[in-house]
Amino acid sequence: MLPTHGVLISYTVQRYQPPALFRIDDWKPYAIGLVDIGDGLEVMGMLSGFALDAIAIGSRVRLVVEPLYIDAARGPVLTYKFAPETET
């Protein structure tokens, strides 16, 4: 099993709406990050829960699953994202 926590090592903000193949309901600019999950593994995914002007390299993040869009026939289509790690 892959780790569910990591460190943000790079990111970019996407300010264009992706083509229909990459549908996102309620589209607005979003960030994609590169996350070091350890053992030399780096995973890219959308970021969630960050203000776009407050993202910081080195932030601890956790893996989350969120809806990307709603398909009329199948219901929610989910994707993984990385959100700020919260202390418990």
C-alpha atoms as a PDB file:
ATOM      1  CA  MET A   1       0.000   0.000   0.000  1.00  0.00           C
ATOM      2  CA  LEU A   2       1.264   3.493  -0.811  1.00  0.00           C
ATOM      3  CA  PRO A   3       1.615   6.098   1.945  1.00  0.00           C
ATOM      4  CA  THR A   4      -1.247   8.573   2.367  1.00  0.00           C
ATOM      5  CA  HIS A   5       0.900  11.468   3.642  1.00  0.00           C
ATOM      6  CA  GLY A   6       3.779  13.353   2.081  1.00  0.00           C
ATOM      7  CA  VAL A   7       5.537  16.641   1.450  1.00  0.00           C
ATOM      8  CA  LEU A   8       4.700  19.081  -1.351  1.00  0.00           C
ATOM      9  CA  ILE A   9       7.839  19.553  -3.465  1.00  0.00           C
ATOM     10  CA  SER A  10       6.460  21.524  -6.435  1.00  0.00           C
ATOM     11  CA  TYR A  11       3.192  22.903  -7.765  1.00  0.00           C
ATOM     12  CA  THR A  12       1.588  24.922 -10.521  1.00  0.00           C
ATOM     13  CA  VAL A  13      -1.702  26.813 -10.723  1.00  0.00           C
ATOM     14  CA  GLN A  14      -3.928  25.984 -13.694  1.00  0.00           C
ATOM     15  CA  ARG A  15      -5.858  29.073 -14.761  1.00  0.00           C
ATOM     16  CA  TYR A  16      -7.467  27.630 -17.883  1.00  0.00           C
ATOM     17  CA  GLN A  17     -10.492  25.365 -18.128  1.00  0.00           C
ATOM     18  CA  PRO A  18      -9.426  21.882 -19.214  1.00  0.00           C
ATOM     19  CA  PRO A  19     -10.991  20.223 -22.282  1.00  0.00           C
ATOM     20  CA  ALA A  20     -14.208  18.205 -21.878  1.00  0.00           C
ATOM     21  CA  LEU A  21     -12.256  14.948 -21.466  1.00  0.00           C
ATOM     22  CA  PHE A  22     -10.997  16.317 -18.126  1.00  0.00           C
ATOM     23  CA  ARG A  23     -14.352  17.639 -16.966  1.00  0.00           C
ATOM     24  CA  ILE A  24     -14.579  19.463 -13.636  1.00  0.00           C
ATOM     25  CA  ASP A  25     -17.964  20.613 -12.333  1.00  0.00           C
ATOM     26  CA  ASP A  26     -17.955  24.160 -10.924  1.00  0.00           C
ATOM     27  CA  TRP A  27     -14.580  24.849 -12.562  1.00  0.00           C
ATOM     28  CA  LYS A  28     -12.314  27.550 -11.168  1.00  0.00           C
ATOM     29  CA  PRO A  29      -8.501  27.883 -11.180  1.00  0.00           C
ATOM     30  CA  TYR A  30      -6.870  25.025  -9.282  1.00  0.00           C
ATOM     31  CA  ALA A  31      -3.425  23.789  -8.330  1.00  0.00           C
ATOM     32  CA  ILE A  32      -1.606  20.582  -9.193  1.00  0.00           C
ATOM     33  CA  GLY A  33       1.189  19.481  -6.913  1.00  0.00           C
ATOM     34  CA  LEU A  34       4.083  17.045  -6.916  1.00  0.00           C
ATOM     35  CA  VAL A  35       4.227  15.219  -3.586  1.00  0.00           C
ATOM     36  CA  ASP A  36       7.115  13.203  -2.157  1.00  0.00           C
ATOM     37  CA  ILE A  37       5.509  10.206  -0.416  1.00  0.00           C
ATOM     38  CA  GLY A  38       8.815   8.642   0.615  1.00  0.00           C
ATOM     39  CA  ASP A  39      11.089   5.867  -0.610  1.00  0.00           C
ATOM     40  CA  GLY A  40      11.907   7.896  -3.730  1.00  0.00           C
ATOM     41  CA  LEU A  41       8.271   8.027  -4.875  1.00  0.00           C
ATOM     42  CA  GLU A  42       6.757  11.268  -6.137  1.00  0.00           C
ATOM     43  CA  VAL A  43       3.062  11.506  -7.049  1.00  0.00           C
ATOM     44  CA  MET A  44       1.270  14.291  -8.908  1.00  0.00           C
ATOM     45  CA  GLY A  45      -2.288  15.260  -8.066  1.00  0.00           C
ATOM     46  CA  MET A  46      -4.697  18.143  -7.669  1.00  0.00           C
ATOM     47  CA  LEU A  47      -4.426  20.153  -4.457  1.00  0.00           C
ATOM     48  CA  SER A  48      -7.479  20.770  -2.278  1.00  0.00           C
ATOM     49  CA  GLY A  49      -8.014  23.043   0.693  1.00  0.00           C
ATOM     50  CA  PHE A  50      -5.222  25.497  -0.166  1.00  0.00           C
ATOM     51  CA  ALA A  51      -5.689  29.178  -0.991  1.00  0.00           C
ATOM     52  CA  LEU A  52      -3.941  29.474  -4.366  1.00  0.00           C
ATOM     53  CA  ASP A  53      -1.776  32.359  -3.151  1.00  0.00           C
ATOM     54  CA  ALA A  54      -0.806  30.575   0.077  1.00  0.00           C
ATOM     55  CA  ILE A  55       0.573  27.256  -1.193  1.00  0.00           C
ATOM     56  CA  ALA A  56       4.053  26.594   0.176  1.00  0.00           C
ATOM     57  CA  ILE A  57       6.718  24.139  -0.922  1.00  0.00           C
ATOM     58  CA  GLY A  58       7.475  21.874   2.032  1.00  0.00           C
ATOM     59  CA  SER A  59       3.854  21.734   3.237  1.00  0.00           C
ATOM     60  CA  ARG A  60       2.838  18.417   4.773  1.00  0.00           C
ATOM     61  CA  VAL A  61      -0.134  16.963   2.873  1.00  0.00           C
ATOM     62  CA  ARG A  62      -2.501  14.032   3.097  1.00  0.00           C
ATOM     63  CA  LEU A  63      -4.338  12.065   0.432  1.00  0.00           C
ATOM     64  CA  VAL A  64      -8.086  12.720   0.126  1.00  0.00           C
ATOM     65  CA  VAL A  65     -10.762  11.523  -2.291  1.00  0.00           C
ATOM     66  CA  GLU A  66     -13.240  14.080  -3.635  1.00  0.00           C
ATOM     67  CA  PRO A  67     -15.813  14.328  -6.447  1.00  0.00           C
ATOM     68  CA  LEU A  68     -14.502  15.688  -9.727  1.00  0.00           C
ATOM     69  CA  TYR A  69     -17.917  15.857 -11.376  1.00  0.00           C
ATOM     70  CA  ILE A  70     -21.340  14.212 -11.320  1.00  0.00           C
ATOM     71  CA  ASP A  71     -22.177  11.823 -14.158  1.00  0.00           C
ATOM     72  CA  ALA A  72     -25.925  11.693 -14.840  1.00  0.00           C
ATOM     73  CA  ALA A  73     -25.884   7.893 -15.210  1.00  0.00           C
ATOM     74  CA  ARG A  74     -23.208   6.835 -12.714  1.00  0.00           C
ATOM     75  CA  GLY A  75     -23.281   9.521 -10.050  1.00  0.00           C
ATOM     76  CA  PRO A  76     -20.141  11.101  -8.553  1.00  0.00           C
ATOM     77  CA  VAL A  77     -16.857  10.525 -10.370  1.00  0.00           C
ATOM     78  CA  LEU A  78     -14.110  10.646  -7.757  1.00  0.00           C
ATOM     79  CA  THR A  79     -10.446  11.595  -7.916  1.00  0.00           C
ATOM     80  CA  TYR A  80      -7.606  11.686  -5.438  1.00  0.00           C
ATOM     81  CA  LYS A  81      -6.206  15.029  -4.291  1.00  0.00           C
ATOM     82  CA  PHE A  82      -3.736  16.241  -1.702  1.00  0.00           C
ATOM     83  CA  ALA A  83      -4.951  18.467   1.142  1.00  0.00           C
ATOM     84  CA  PRO A  84      -3.067  20.202   3.955  1.00  0.00           C
ATOM     85  CA  GLU A  85      -2.218  17.774   6.727  1.00  0.00           C
ATOM     86  CA  THR A  86      -4.135  18.477   9.893  1.00  0.00           C
ATOM     87  CA  GLU A  87      -2.899  17.560  13.327  1.00  0.00           C
ATOM     88  CA  THR A  88      -5.138  15.345  15.427  1.00  0.00           C
END
